[in-house]
Amino acid sequence: MVTAAAATPAPRRYLALDSLRGIAALFIVFYHMGPFGWVASWRPFQSGWMMVDFFFVLSGFVIAMSYGARLAQGYPRGRFLAVRLGRVFPLHLAVVAGFTLLEFTVFRPVLGEAHGLWEWVRGTFLLDAFATGAGNFYAPVSWAVGVEMVLYTLAALLFGRGALGTAIAVMLAAAGAWGMTTHFKVFGFGFLLQRGLFDFALGVLAWRIHQRLAALQPGAVLLTLAEVALVGAVVWLLYLPGKDGSWVLLAAPLYAALVLAFARDRGLLARTLHARPFLWLGQLSFALFMVHLFWIILPNRFGPRILASLGHADWIAPVSQKFGLLSMAPPPAIATAISLALLAGALATAWLAWRFIEEPARHWTRSR
């Protein structure tokens, strides 16, 4: 007998959205480099921290599309969580292992920097999702993975629960919006979790709107105009100076509208994003997000030593700076070349992580 869950049609793949996720990952990489060279200094890149909110919005859309109906029709909720954990946790553990190795082979003996056990525990077990702010040596982006797992758990609990589930989801999203508006921060309900709750809910709402409007078939010209306008609005928002966490309340609805437009996959920009390089970047987006800081933190610490040994002590930043690549201050052309070379290294590492950790773990989890 075919179960209701098995009878649900397989979710489709939104190619343009995959590519947009890869582009968002690039913004985050350049943000973490800091204003270093001509490319990384582009002001929208310096607001790249806001692209994590695009990840959360897109995650809400994709999870609602892939599992919303299936969970409502009986798909095992524990199996859903196991599949999602298998999707993100193995690569997360590999990153923690890498930074742990660096801690005891490089940072403590060579650089004299020590990072505590509690920081390792927080990073390993994704507890930074509940912290009041980001920052963990052993797992620099573990907070986002932890927030994702909280959101997956809420999805497992609330999808298919009717009006009660919807009401709870709305209350959680409203609480997240309130926290960001008032800058309320306590351990357990800080800015990191607040933005995830708000963003993910908007992504789920975007999926429902997408379903309702499925019968409408706007022409390619109209869709192209919408895509151009929304991309322009996102770039304008990222270009504005002086943003803080409360700006997520403006960015997330804009990202949801962007997802709705590009989910049609028929405008000129969306079709351009079907090109192989963009799809490849989208495929590597999670791995790139996870591993890129290896290619920023180590050059930050050792770059000044290398420059001094090469006779370019004048290219060392006059003030000690541990953010991004700002411990170095070479001419803009040299800085640009360094940043692009490090990006290439991060992409190569991301491919290795995707090929030998992320994909095998995903297939193994699904097969079990």
Protein backbone atom coordinates (compact mmCIF):
# COMPACT_ATOMS: atom_id res chain seq x y z
CA MET A 1 0.00 0.00 0.00
CA VAL A 2 1.32 3.48 -0.87
CA THR A 3 1.40 5.77 2.14
CA ALA A 4 0.27 9.39 1.99
CA ALA A 5 3.82 10.58 2.52
CA ALA A 6 5.12 8.42 -0.30
CA ALA A 7 2.32 9.59 -2.56
CA THR A 8 3.32 13.23 -2.20
CA PRO A 9 5.01 14.41 -5.41
CA ALA A 10 8.76 14.88 -5.17
CA PRO A 11 9.71 18.55 -4.66
CA ARG A 12 11.17 20.31 -7.66
CA ARG A 13 14.58 21.96 -7.78
CA TYR A 14 14.72 25.75 -8.02
CA LEU A 15 17.95 26.30 -9.91
CA ALA A 16 18.03 30.10 -9.70
CA LEU A 17 17.53 29.95 -5.93
CA ASP A 18 20.42 27.47 -5.63
CA SER A 19 22.64 29.92 -7.49
CA LEU A 20 21.47 32.85 -5.36
CA ARG A 21 22.50 30.89 -2.27
CA GLY A 22 26.00 30.56 -3.72
CA ILE A 23 26.18 34.29 -4.44
CA ALA A 24 25.04 34.99 -0.87
CA ALA A 25 27.90 32.80 0.38
CA LEU A 26 30.36 34.92 -1.63
CA PHE A 27 29.03 38.06 0.06
CA ILE A 28 29.70 36.45 3.44
CA VAL A 29 33.25 35.48 2.45
CA PHE A 30 34.10 39.02 1.36
CA TYR A 31 32.43 40.44 4.47
CA HIS A 32 34.68 38.32 6.67
CA MET A 33 37.74 39.52 4.74
CA GLY A 34 36.95 43.12 5.65
CA PRO A 35 37.63 46.10 3.37
CA PHE A 36 40.79 44.57 1.94
CA GLY A 37 41.52 45.40 -1.71
CA TRP A 38 39.20 46.74 -4.37
CA VAL A 39 36.77 43.82 -4.49
CA ALA A 40 36.26 43.14 -0.78
CA SER A 41 35.98 46.87 -0.11
CA TRP A 42 32.79 47.17 -2.18
CA ARG A 43 30.32 48.51 0.37
CA PRO A 44 27.57 45.90 -0.19
CA PHE A 45 30.12 43.20 0.61
CA GLN A 46 30.76 44.95 3.92
CA SER A 47 27.11 44.33 4.78
CA GLY A 48 27.47 40.68 3.84
CA TRP A 49 26.55 39.60 7.36
CA MET A 50 22.95 40.27 6.33
CA MET A 51 23.17 37.51 3.72
CA VAL A 52 22.88 34.93 6.49
CA ASP A 53 19.29 36.14 6.75
CA PHE A 54 18.83 35.25 3.09
CA PHE A 55 19.96 31.71 4.00
CA PHE A 56 17.32 31.52 6.73
CA VAL A 57 14.54 32.88 4.50
CA LEU A 58 15.48 30.47 1.72
CA SER A 59 15.66 27.62 4.23
CA GLY A 60 12.09 28.32 5.35
CA PHE A 61 10.93 28.29 1.74
CA VAL A 62 12.76 25.08 0.85
CA ILE A 63 11.83 23.17 4.01
CA ALA A 64 8.15 24.13 3.62
CA MET A 65 8.30 23.08 -0.04
CA SER A 66 10.13 19.80 0.59
CA TYR A 67 8.61 18.64 3.85
CA GLY A 68 5.58 20.75 4.78
CA ALA A 69 2.98 18.56 3.07
CA ARG A 70 4.84 15.35 3.84
CA LEU A 71 5.03 16.08 7.57
CA ALA A 72 1.34 16.94 7.56
CA GLN A 73 0.57 13.60 5.86
CA GLY A 74 2.52 11.41 8.23
CA TYR A 75 6.20 11.60 7.28
CA PRO A 76 8.06 10.63 10.49
CA ARG A 77 9.17 13.78 12.25
CA GLY A 78 12.14 12.07 13.85
CA ARG A 79 13.29 10.90 10.41
CA PHE A 80 13.00 14.46 9.11
CA LEU A 81 15.25 15.72 11.92
CA ALA A 82 17.73 12.89 11.36
CA VAL A 83 17.95 13.73 7.65
CA ARG A 84 18.50 17.42 8.38
CA LEU A 85 21.09 16.68 11.05
CA GLY A 86 22.92 14.39 8.66
CA ARG A 87 22.90 17.19 6.11
CA VAL A 88 24.76 19.73 8.28
CA PHE A 89 26.40 18.07 11.29
CA PRO A 90 29.22 15.96 9.76
CA LEU A 91 30.77 18.94 7.97
CA HIS A 92 30.30 21.02 11.11
CA LEU A 93 32.21 18.41 13.13
CA ALA A 94 34.97 18.35 10.50
CA VAL A 95 35.36 22.12 10.84
CA VAL A 96 35.51 21.84 14.64
CA ALA A 97 38.14 19.10 14.30
CA GLY A 98 40.18 21.30 11.96
CA PHE A 99 40.17 24.28 14.29
CA THR A 100 40.87 22.04 17.29
CA LEU A 101 43.94 20.70 15.51
CA LEU A 102 45.06 24.24 14.74
CA GLU A 103 44.54 25.22 18.37
CA PHE A 104 47.08 22.70 19.65
CA THR A 105 49.56 22.76 16.75
CA VAL A 106 49.59 26.44 15.81
CA PHE A 107 47.67 28.87 17.97
CA ARG A 108 48.83 27.79 21.43
CA PRO A 109 52.45 26.76 20.74
CA VAL A 110 53.29 29.26 17.98
CA LEU A 111 51.04 32.27 18.46
CA GLY A 112 50.45 32.04 22.18
CA GLU A 113 46.66 32.22 21.76
CA ALA A 114 44.55 29.89 23.89
CA HIS A 115 40.84 29.26 23.51
CA GLY A 116 38.93 27.65 26.34
CA LEU A 117 37.16 24.32 26.74
CA TRP A 118 33.71 25.89 27.19
CA GLU A 119 34.12 27.64 23.83
CA TRP A 120 34.86 24.23 22.28
CA VAL A 121 31.79 22.68 23.93
CA ARG A 122 29.57 25.54 22.76
CA GLY A 123 30.82 25.22 19.22
CA THR A 124 30.76 21.44 18.99
CA PHE A 125 27.24 21.02 20.33
CA LEU A 126 25.79 24.04 18.50
CA LEU A 127 24.97 25.90 21.71
CA ASP A 128 26.01 29.19 20.12
CA ALA A 129 22.54 29.28 18.59
CA PHE A 130 21.41 30.54 22.01
CA ALA A 131 24.26 33.01 22.55
CA THR A 132 23.76 36.76 22.53
CA GLY A 133 26.34 37.27 19.77
CA ALA A 134 28.46 35.41 17.23
CA GLY A 135 32.06 34.41 17.74
CA ASN A 136 33.65 31.03 18.44
CA PHE A 137 37.19 30.11 17.45
CA TYR A 138 36.51 26.38 17.13
CA ALA A 139 33.38 26.83 15.04
CA PRO A 140 33.18 30.40 13.76
CA VAL A 141 29.83 29.95 12.00
CA SER A 142 28.40 27.25 14.26
CA TRP A 143 25.77 29.67 15.55
CA ALA A 144 24.05 29.63 12.14
CA VAL A 145 24.10 25.83 11.98
CA GLY A 146 22.70 25.71 15.51
CA VAL A 147 19.93 28.15 14.65
CA GLU A 148 19.09 26.04 11.59
CA MET A 149 18.70 22.96 13.79
CA VAL A 150 16.42 24.88 16.17
CA LEU A 151 14.33 25.93 13.17
CA TYR A 152 14.21 22.37 11.82
CA THR A 153 13.03 21.18 15.24
CA LEU A 154 10.27 23.80 15.28
CA ALA A 155 9.28 22.79 11.75
CA ALA A 156 9.04 19.15 12.85
CA LEU A 157 6.88 20.15 15.80
CA LEU A 158 4.61 22.67 14.07
CA PHE A 159 4.19 21.66 10.41
CA GLY A 160 0.85 19.96 9.93
CA ARG A 161 -0.55 21.11 13.28
CA GLY A 162 -3.24 23.30 11.77
CA ALA A 163 -4.27 26.61 13.31
CA LEU A 164 -2.42 25.91 16.56
CA GLY A 165 0.88 25.31 14.79
CA THR A 166 0.41 28.43 12.68
CA ALA A 167 -0.41 30.53 15.74
CA ILE A 168 2.69 29.34 17.60
CA ALA A 169 4.87 30.02 14.54
CA VAL A 170 3.46 33.55 14.22
CA MET A 171 4.08 34.19 17.92
CA LEU A 172 7.69 33.00 17.65
CA ALA A 173 8.32 35.16 14.57
CA ALA A 174 6.74 38.15 16.34
CA ALA A 175 8.94 37.51 19.38
CA GLY A 176 11.99 37.49 17.13
CA ALA A 177 10.92 40.78 15.51
CA TRP A 178 10.29 42.31 18.93
CA GLY A 179 13.70 41.23 20.19
CA MET A 180 15.50 42.74 17.18
CA THR A 181 13.49 45.97 17.43
CA THR A 182 14.17 46.46 21.15
CA HIS A 183 17.71 44.99 21.05
CA PHE A 184 16.66 42.54 23.77
CA LYS A 185 19.42 39.99 24.38
CA VAL A 186 19.66 37.20 26.93
CA PHE A 187 21.35 33.81 26.66
CA GLY A 188 18.76 31.51 25.16
CA PHE A 189 17.05 34.22 23.17
CA GLY A 190 19.64 36.49 21.61
CA PHE A 191 19.84 38.26 18.27
CA LEU A 192 21.07 35.15 16.48
CA LEU A 193 18.01 33.05 17.27
CA GLN A 194 15.67 36.02 16.92
CA ARG A 195 16.68 36.66 13.33
CA GLY A 196 16.38 32.97 12.49
CA LEU A 197 12.83 32.76 13.84
CA PHE A 198 11.74 35.84 11.90
CA ASP A 199 13.52 34.94 8.66
CA PHE A 200 12.45 31.30 8.56
CA ALA A 201 8.81 32.21 9.14
CA LEU A 202 8.92 34.63 6.22
CA GLY A 203 10.41 31.89 4.06
CA VAL A 204 7.55 29.54 4.95
CA LEU A 205 5.08 32.34 4.19
CA ALA A 206 6.79 32.90 0.84
CA TRP A 207 6.26 29.23 -0.02
CA ARG A 208 2.57 29.48 0.79
CA ILE A 209 2.23 32.59 -1.35
CA HIS A 210 4.11 30.84 -4.13
CA GLN A 211 1.61 27.98 -3.98
CA ARG A 212 -1.38 30.32 -4.00
CA LEU A 213 -0.05 32.19 -7.01
CA ALA A 214 1.01 29.09 -8.94
CA ALA A 215 -1.88 29.49 -11.40
CA LEU A 216 -0.70 32.97 -12.35
CA GLN A 217 1.81 32.92 -15.17
CA PRO A 218 3.41 36.35 -15.59
CA GLY A 219 5.43 36.82 -18.74
CA ALA A 220 9.20 36.67 -18.90
CA VAL A 221 9.45 40.44 -19.40
CA LEU A 222 7.45 41.20 -16.27
CA LEU A 223 9.43 38.66 -14.27
CA THR A 224 12.70 40.12 -15.53
CA LEU A 225 11.64 43.61 -14.46
CA ALA A 226 10.71 42.27 -11.02
CA GLU A 227 14.03 40.46 -10.71
CA VAL A 228 16.04 43.54 -11.69
CA ALA A 229 14.06 45.76 -9.30
CA LEU A 230 14.47 43.36 -6.38
CA VAL A 231 18.17 42.77 -6.97
CA GLY A 232 18.63 46.53 -7.19
CA ALA A 233 16.71 46.99 -3.93
CA VAL A 234 18.88 44.39 -2.17
CA VAL A 235 22.11 46.00 -3.39
CA TRP A 236 20.79 49.44 -2.35
CA LEU A 237 19.94 48.12 1.11
CA LEU A 238 23.37 46.55 1.51
CA TYR A 239 25.00 49.74 0.27
CA LEU A 240 23.41 51.90 2.97
CA PRO A 241 25.79 52.66 5.85
CA GLY A 242 25.08 52.47 9.56
CA LYS A 243 22.96 49.34 9.66
CA ASP A 244 22.40 47.32 12.84
CA GLY A 245 20.52 44.14 13.65
CA SER A 246 17.11 45.79 13.49
CA TRP A 247 17.59 46.25 9.74
CA VAL A 248 16.90 42.54 9.38
CA LEU A 249 13.23 43.50 9.73
CA LEU A 250 13.54 45.28 6.39
CA ALA A 251 15.96 42.87 4.72
CA ALA A 252 14.05 39.64 5.40
CA PRO A 253 10.78 40.67 3.64
CA LEU A 254 12.89 41.88 0.72
CA TYR A 255 14.65 38.52 0.56
CA ALA A 256 11.27 36.75 0.68
CA ALA A 257 10.10 38.81 -2.31
CA LEU A 258 13.37 37.98 -4.09
CA VAL A 259 12.78 34.27 -3.47
CA LEU A 260 9.24 34.54 -4.84
CA ALA A 261 10.43 36.24 -8.02
CA PHE A 262 13.36 33.89 -8.72
CA ALA A 263 11.37 30.77 -7.79
CA ARG A 264 9.54 31.26 -11.10
CA ASP A 265 12.83 30.49 -12.86
CA ARG A 266 11.69 32.22 -16.05
CA GLY A 267 12.98 35.78 -15.95
CA LEU A 268 16.19 36.76 -17.74
CA LEU A 269 18.25 36.98 -14.54
CA ALA A 270 16.89 33.66 -13.28
CA ARG A 271 17.75 31.95 -16.56
CA THR A 272 21.23 33.47 -16.40
CA LEU A 273 21.65 31.87 -12.98
CA HIS A 274 21.08 28.49 -14.60
CA ALA A 275 24.60 28.72 -16.03
CA ARG A 276 26.96 26.02 -14.82
CA PRO A 277 29.36 28.30 -12.84
CA PHE A 278 26.47 29.72 -10.81
CA LEU A 279 25.00 26.27 -10.18
CA TRP A 280 28.42 25.00 -9.13
CA LEU A 281 28.74 27.89 -6.70
CA GLY A 282 25.28 27.15 -5.32
CA GLN A 283 26.20 23.50 -4.89
CA LEU A 284 29.21 24.50 -2.80
CA SER A 285 27.42 27.23 -0.84
CA PHE A 286 27.09 25.40 2.48
CA ALA A 287 30.62 24.00 2.35
CA LEU A 288 32.01 27.42 1.41
CA PHE A 289 30.14 29.01 4.30
CA MET A 290 31.58 26.43 6.67
CA VAL A 291 35.25 26.36 5.61
CA HIS A 292 36.07 29.82 4.29
CA LEU A 293 37.29 31.21 7.61
CA PHE A 294 40.27 28.84 7.56
CA TRP A 295 41.44 30.97 4.62
CA ILE A 296 40.93 34.22 6.53
CA ILE A 297 41.93 33.55 10.14
CA LEU A 298 45.30 31.93 9.33
CA PRO A 299 46.39 34.65 6.84
CA ASN A 300 45.32 37.24 9.40
CA ARG A 301 47.73 35.80 11.97
CA PHE A 302 50.63 34.84 9.72
CA GLY A 303 50.34 37.49 7.00
CA PRO A 304 52.31 40.13 8.93
CA ARG A 305 55.12 37.65 9.63
CA ILE A 306 55.30 36.67 5.98
CA LEU A 307 55.32 40.30 4.85
CA ALA A 308 58.07 41.15 7.33
CA SER A 309 60.19 38.22 6.12
CA LEU A 310 59.75 39.43 2.54
CA GLY A 311 60.99 42.90 3.45
CA HIS A 312 57.57 44.56 3.36
CA ALA A 313 57.10 45.54 6.99
CA ASP A 314 55.51 48.73 5.65
CA TRP A 315 52.61 46.53 4.44
CA ILE A 316 51.73 45.51 8.00
CA ALA A 317 48.77 47.29 9.57
CA PRO A 318 49.99 49.85 12.14
CA VAL A 319 47.39 48.67 14.72
CA SER A 320 46.86 45.06 15.75
CA GLN A 321 43.70 43.89 14.00
CA LYS A 322 42.26 40.38 14.28
CA PHE A 323 39.25 40.89 12.01
CA GLY A 324 39.42 39.63 8.46
CA LEU A 325 42.62 40.37 6.58
CA LEU A 326 43.07 43.78 8.19
CA SER A 327 46.28 42.81 9.97
CA MET A 328 47.86 43.58 6.58
CA ALA A 329 47.83 46.83 4.64
CA PRO A 330 49.50 46.28 1.23
CA PRO A 331 48.74 48.46 -1.81
CA PRO A 332 45.17 47.96 -3.12
CA ALA A 333 46.27 45.95 -6.16
CA ILE A 334 48.28 43.54 -4.02
CA ALA A 335 45.46 43.30 -1.47
CA THR A 336 42.99 42.49 -4.25
CA ALA A 337 45.23 39.76 -5.62
CA ILE A 338 45.64 38.27 -2.14
CA SER A 339 41.90 38.32 -1.46
CA LEU A 340 41.06 36.63 -4.77
CA ALA A 341 43.77 34.00 -4.25
CA LEU A 342 42.37 33.22 -0.80
CA LEU A 343 38.87 33.01 -2.28
CA ALA A 344 40.16 30.48 -4.81
CA GLY A 345 41.67 28.46 -1.97
CA ALA A 346 38.40 28.60 -0.04
CA LEU A 347 36.45 27.42 -3.10
CA ALA A 348 38.86 24.53 -3.65
CA THR A 349 38.56 23.53 0.01
CA ALA A 350 34.78 23.84 -0.21
CA TRP A 351 34.73 21.47 -3.17
CA LEU A 352 36.80 18.92 -1.26
CA ALA A 353 34.53 19.27 1.77
CA TRP A 354 31.44 18.89 -0.41
CA ARG A 355 32.83 15.94 -2.35
CA PHE A 356 34.27 13.93 0.53
CA ILE A 357 32.22 14.97 3.60
CA GLU A 358 28.96 16.74 2.83
CA GLU A 359 27.70 14.58 -0.04
CA PRO A 360 28.73 11.18 1.38
CA ALA A 361 27.16 12.09 4.73
CA ARG A 362 23.96 13.22 3.06
CA HIS A 363 23.64 10.03 1.02
CA TRP A 364 24.54 7.81 3.99
CA THR A 365 21.93 9.48 6.19
CA ARG A 366 19.21 9.16 3.57
CA SER A 367 20.07 5.53 2.89
CA ARG A 368 19.61 4.73 6.58
